[in-house]
C-alpha atoms as a PDB file:
ATOM      1  CA  MET A   1      17.270   5.299 -17.463  1.00  0.00           C
ATOM      2  CA  PRO A   2      13.557   4.483 -17.250  1.00  0.00           C
ATOM      3  CA  THR A   3      10.969   7.232 -16.816  1.00  0.00           C
ATOM      4  CA  TYR A   4       8.620   6.924 -13.821  1.00  0.00           C
ATOM      5  CA  THR A   5       5.252   8.664 -13.402  1.00  0.00           C
ATOM      6  CA  VAL A   6       3.046   8.496 -10.304  1.00  0.00           C
ATOM      7  CA  ILE A   7      -0.611   8.378 -11.318  1.00  0.00           C
ATOM      8  CA  PRO A   8      -3.338   9.167  -8.750  1.00  0.00           C
ATOM      9  CA  GLN A   9      -6.457   6.995  -9.001  1.00  0.00           C
ATOM     10  CA  ALA A  10     -10.125   7.788  -8.287  1.00  0.00           C
ATOM     11  CA  ASP A  11     -10.086   5.346  -5.350  1.00  0.00           C
ATOM     12  CA  GLN A  12      -7.340   7.405  -3.642  1.00  0.00           C
ATOM     13  CA  THR A  13      -4.566   4.888  -4.469  1.00  0.00           C
ATOM     14  CA  PHE A  14      -1.600   5.470  -6.762  1.00  0.00           C
ATOM     15  CA  HIS A  15      -0.052   3.616  -9.682  1.00  0.00           C
ATOM     16  CA  VAL A  16       3.466   3.960 -11.072  1.00  0.00           C
ATOM     17  CA  ALA A  17       3.853   3.996 -14.859  1.00  0.00           C
ATOM     18  CA  ILE A  18       7.302   3.058 -16.156  1.00  0.00           C
ATOM     19  CA  VAL A  19       8.680   3.570 -19.652  1.00  0.00           C
ATOM     20  CA  GLY A  20      11.948   1.719 -20.185  1.00  0.00           C
ATOM     21  CA  ASN A  21      14.879   2.807 -22.314  1.00  0.00           C
ATOM     22  CA  ASP A  22      13.628   0.479 -25.040  1.00  0.00           C
ATOM     23  CA  GLY A  23      10.114   1.987 -24.959  1.00  0.00           C
ATOM     24  CA  ALA A  24       8.604  -0.937 -23.051  1.00  0.00           C
ATOM     25  CA  ARG A  25       5.769   0.165 -20.777  1.00  0.00           C
ATOM     26  CA  GLN A  26       4.753  -1.255 -17.423  1.00  0.00           C
ATOM     27  CA  THR A  27       2.367  -0.175 -14.660  1.00  0.00           C
ATOM     28  CA  ILE A  28       2.776  -1.076 -10.992  1.00  0.00           C
ATOM     29  CA  LEU A  29      -0.584  -0.946  -9.212  1.00  0.00           C
ATOM     30  CA  GLY A  30      -2.012  -0.296  -5.782  1.00  0.00           C
ATOM     31  CA  PHE A  31       0.173   2.014  -3.697  1.00  0.00           C
ATOM     32  CA  GLN A  32      -1.778   3.376  -0.729  1.00  0.00           C
ATOM     33  CA  THR A  33      -0.033   6.764  -0.691  1.00  0.00           C
ATOM     34  CA  GLU A  34       1.970   8.900  -3.076  1.00  0.00           C
ATOM     35  CA  ALA A  35       4.890   8.561  -0.641  1.00  0.00           C
ATOM     36  CA  ASP A  36       4.696   4.747  -0.957  1.00  0.00           C
ATOM     37  CA  ALA A  37       4.843   5.070  -4.739  1.00  0.00           C
ATOM     38  CA  ALA A  38       7.791   7.475  -4.538  1.00  0.00           C
ATOM     39  CA  ALA A  39       9.633   5.136  -2.149  1.00  0.00           C
ATOM     40  CA  TRP A  40       9.109   2.232  -4.551  1.00  0.00           C
ATOM     41  CA  ILE A  41      10.511   4.335  -7.408  1.00  0.00           C
ATOM     42  CA  ALA A  42      13.580   5.213  -5.331  1.00  0.00           C
ATOM     43  CA  ARG A  43      14.205   1.527  -4.513  1.00  0.00           C
ATOM     44  CA  ASP A  44      13.724   0.520  -8.151  1.00  0.00           C
ATOM     45  CA  ARG A  45      16.157   3.203  -9.347  1.00  0.00           C
ATOM     46  CA  LEU A  46      18.706   2.069  -6.764  1.00  0.00           C
ATOM     47  CA  GLN A  47      18.292  -1.557  -7.842  1.00  0.00           C
ATOM     48  CA  SER A  48      18.703  -0.560 -11.501  1.00  0.00           C
ATOM     49  CA  THR A  49      21.872   1.366 -10.660  1.00  0.00           C
ATOM     50  CA  THR A  50      23.253  -1.580  -8.700  1.00  0.00           C
ATOM     51  CA  ASP A  51      22.461  -3.945 -11.579  1.00  0.00           C
ATOM     52  CA  ASP A  52      24.298  -1.626 -13.990  1.00  0.00           C
ATOM     53  CA  LEU A  53      27.425  -1.843 -11.822  1.00  0.00           C
ATOM     54  CA  ARG A  54      27.756  -5.614 -12.158  1.00  0.00           C
ATOM     55  CA  MET A  55      30.862  -6.808 -13.877  1.00  0.00           C
ATOM     56  CA  PRO A  56      30.223  -9.048 -16.892  1.00  0.00           C
ATOM     57  CA  GLY A  57      30.657 -12.671 -15.901  1.00  0.00           C
ATOM     58  CA  ASP A  58      30.879 -11.794 -12.209  1.00  0.00           C
ATOM     59  CA  PHE A  59      27.987 -11.991  -9.758  1.00  0.00           C
ATOM     60  CA  ARG A  60      29.613  -9.604  -7.297  1.00  0.00           C
ATOM     61  CA  THR A  61      28.848  -5.918  -7.671  1.00  0.00           C
ATOM     62  CA  LEU A  62      31.453  -3.204  -7.701  1.00  0.00           C
ATOM     63  CA  LEU A  63      29.957  -1.931  -4.452  1.00  0.00           C
ATOM     64  CA  GLU A  64      30.972  -5.024  -2.501  1.00  0.00           C
ATOM     65  CA  THR A  65      34.246  -5.030  -0.650  1.00  0.00           C
END
């Protein structure tokens, strides 16, 4: 699972630093509040979890009925 870090900026905005399982690094810029950054992290984690539940060769997720 990737590691997320919220980084406050001097201009009162926030960035999110991500380190993937493979060590790849990425920074998402320009969140207006820390809560916005945290909400983005929560959505990204949920999306990653959903992607992990896909069945190989099948575009439907296990969560669909």
